[in-house]
């Protein structure tokens, strides 16, 4: 598993990767991936600049969870790199060409991923890749 189950440990990974990257320190391949996603989200830099982030993000609070959002970016990038589920790399390419913006394409894909994960969690079942891919195909 890439990350542990501890929320604070996971958040600290983002904070540390960003700090190391900003300081010009050597980073691991995973830290480089995290830092790249963080760099694309300047709205989260202040949050990551804090010593720790113990904040709770809930839909009721009206604030997006930056760690969840960036984690979904990493997940989509991993899916595209491995083409799993099969066909996602082609969908990503088409959507990137259509939007003209790789980051914006990922945001649209993230919405589909988040919905699929939420449904799976609600049903206490693995995500349905077929439905997920259909959602993604409907974007282009």
Protein backbone atom coordinates (compact mmCIF):
# COMPACT_ATOMS: atom_id res chain seq x y z
CA UNK A 1 0.00 0.00 0.00
CA UNK A 2 1.25 3.45 -0.90
CA UNK A 3 -0.11 5.21 2.17
CA UNK A 4 -0.89 4.19 5.72
CA UNK A 5 -4.32 4.34 7.26
CA UNK A 6 -3.50 7.23 9.58
CA UNK A 7 -4.98 10.49 8.31
CA UNK A 8 -2.34 12.68 9.94
CA UNK A 9 0.47 10.49 8.57
CA UNK A 10 -0.97 10.83 5.08
CA UNK A 11 -1.35 14.58 5.38
CA UNK A 12 2.18 14.87 6.73
CA UNK A 13 3.43 13.11 3.58
CA UNK A 14 1.98 15.92 1.48
CA UNK A 15 3.40 18.60 3.77
CA UNK A 16 6.86 17.01 3.83
CA UNK A 17 6.98 16.40 0.08
CA UNK A 18 6.03 20.00 -0.63
CA UNK A 19 8.54 21.42 1.85
CA UNK A 20 11.36 19.26 0.55
CA UNK A 21 10.54 20.16 -3.03
CA UNK A 22 10.42 23.88 -2.22
CA UNK A 23 13.74 23.65 -0.37
CA UNK A 24 15.39 21.93 -3.34
CA UNK A 25 16.02 18.79 -1.33
CA UNK A 26 16.17 15.34 -2.87
CA UNK A 27 12.71 13.79 -3.03
CA UNK A 28 11.60 10.23 -3.66
CA UNK A 29 9.63 9.45 -6.83
CA UNK A 30 6.40 9.44 -4.81
CA UNK A 31 7.28 12.75 -3.18
CA UNK A 32 7.98 14.19 -6.64
CA UNK A 33 4.52 13.12 -7.80
CA UNK A 34 2.93 14.66 -4.71
CA UNK A 35 4.91 17.90 -5.10
CA UNK A 36 3.87 18.14 -8.76
CA UNK A 37 0.20 17.92 -7.81
CA UNK A 38 0.67 20.43 -4.98
CA UNK A 39 2.42 22.84 -7.37
CA UNK A 40 -0.70 22.82 -9.54
CA UNK A 41 -2.84 23.85 -6.57
CA UNK A 42 -1.59 27.18 -5.21
CA UNK A 43 -4.83 27.53 -3.27
CA UNK A 44 -3.55 24.76 -0.96
CA UNK A 45 -0.03 26.09 -0.40
CA UNK A 46 -0.97 27.95 2.78
CA UNK A 47 -2.52 24.80 4.24
CA UNK A 48 0.59 22.80 3.42
CA UNK A 49 2.82 25.52 4.84
CA UNK A 50 1.53 24.87 8.31
CA UNK A 51 3.44 22.57 10.64
CA UNK A 52 0.53 20.12 10.64
CA UNK A 53 -3.00 20.02 9.32
CA UNK A 54 -5.45 18.64 11.85
CA UNK A 55 -8.42 20.35 10.29
CA UNK A 56 -11.56 18.42 9.58
CA UNK A 57 -13.13 18.90 6.18
CA UNK A 58 -16.77 17.99 5.82
CA UNK A 59 -19.34 18.71 3.13
CA UNK A 60 -21.40 20.48 5.78
CA UNK A 61 -18.46 22.79 6.50
CA UNK A 62 -18.45 23.92 2.88
CA UNK A 63 -14.70 23.50 2.45
CA UNK A 64 -13.07 21.15 0.01
CA UNK A 65 -10.62 18.68 1.53
CA UNK A 66 -7.32 19.57 -0.19
CA UNK A 67 -5.74 16.25 0.74
CA UNK A 68 -8.60 14.26 -0.74
CA UNK A 69 -8.59 16.41 -3.86
CA UNK A 70 -4.86 15.99 -4.44
CA UNK A 71 -5.10 12.28 -3.64
CA UNK A 72 -7.71 11.90 -6.36
CA UNK A 73 -5.35 13.62 -8.80
CA UNK A 74 -2.66 11.09 -7.88
CA UNK A 75 -5.15 8.23 -8.28
CA UNK A 76 -6.23 9.37 -11.75
CA UNK A 77 -2.60 9.79 -12.81
CA UNK A 78 -1.80 6.27 -11.60
CA UNK A 79 -4.82 4.87 -13.44
CA UNK A 80 -3.79 6.62 -16.65
CA UNK A 81 -0.15 5.51 -16.32
CA UNK A 82 -1.19 1.88 -15.89
CA UNK A 83 -4.26 2.12 -18.15
CA UNK A 84 -6.34 0.52 -15.46
CA UNK A 85 -9.21 0.29 -15.83
CA UNK A 86 -8.50 -0.60 -19.43
CA UNK A 87 -9.29 2.30 -21.73
CA UNK A 88 -8.78 5.10 -19.25
CA UNK A 89 -5.56 6.29 -20.90
CA UNK A 90 -7.36 6.85 -24.22
CA UNK A 91 -10.22 8.64 -22.46
CA UNK A 92 -7.70 10.85 -20.66
CA UNK A 93 -5.99 11.72 -23.95
CA UNK A 94 -9.28 12.55 -25.67
CA UNK A 95 -10.48 14.66 -22.77
CA UNK A 96 -7.14 16.48 -22.53
CA UNK A 97 -7.33 17.31 -26.22
CA UNK A 98 -10.95 18.40 -25.91
CA UNK A 99 -10.34 20.71 -22.95
CA UNK A 100 -6.89 21.80 -24.08
CA UNK A 101 -5.81 21.59 -20.47
CA UNK A 102 -4.47 18.44 -18.82
CA UNK A 103 -5.24 19.68 -15.32
CA UNK A 104 -8.82 20.57 -16.24
CA UNK A 105 -9.26 17.14 -17.83
CA UNK A 106 -8.11 15.53 -14.58
CA UNK A 107 -10.60 17.63 -12.61
CA UNK A 108 -13.43 16.34 -14.74
CA UNK A 109 -12.19 12.77 -14.33
CA UNK A 110 -11.83 13.24 -10.58
CA UNK A 111 -15.54 14.03 -10.32
CA UNK A 112 -16.34 10.64 -11.88
CA UNK A 113 -13.85 8.86 -9.64
CA UNK A 114 -15.18 10.53 -6.49
CA UNK A 115 -18.75 9.61 -7.40
CA UNK A 116 -17.77 6.00 -8.09
CA UNK A 117 -15.85 5.76 -4.82
CA UNK A 118 -18.71 7.30 -2.85
CA UNK A 119 -21.20 4.82 -4.34
CA UNK A 120 -18.90 1.89 -3.62
CA UNK A 121 -18.41 3.00 -0.04
CA UNK A 122 -22.15 3.47 0.40
CA UNK A 123 -22.75 -0.08 -0.82
CA UNK A 124 -19.73 -1.46 1.04
CA UNK A 125 -18.49 -2.97 -2.24
CA UNK A 126 -15.56 -2.41 -4.58
CA UNK A 127 -16.04 0.33 -7.20
CA UNK A 128 -17.74 -0.78 -10.39
CA UNK A 129 -15.13 -0.17 -13.10
CA UNK A 130 -17.68 -0.54 -15.89
CA UNK A 131 -19.87 2.26 -14.51
CA UNK A 132 -16.80 4.40 -13.79
CA UNK A 133 -15.58 4.02 -17.40
CA UNK A 134 -19.06 4.85 -18.74
CA UNK A 135 -19.06 8.05 -16.71
CA UNK A 136 -15.63 8.93 -18.06
CA UNK A 137 -16.67 8.19 -21.66
CA UNK A 138 -19.64 10.52 -21.24
CA UNK A 139 -17.23 13.39 -20.55
CA UNK A 140 -15.85 13.39 -24.09
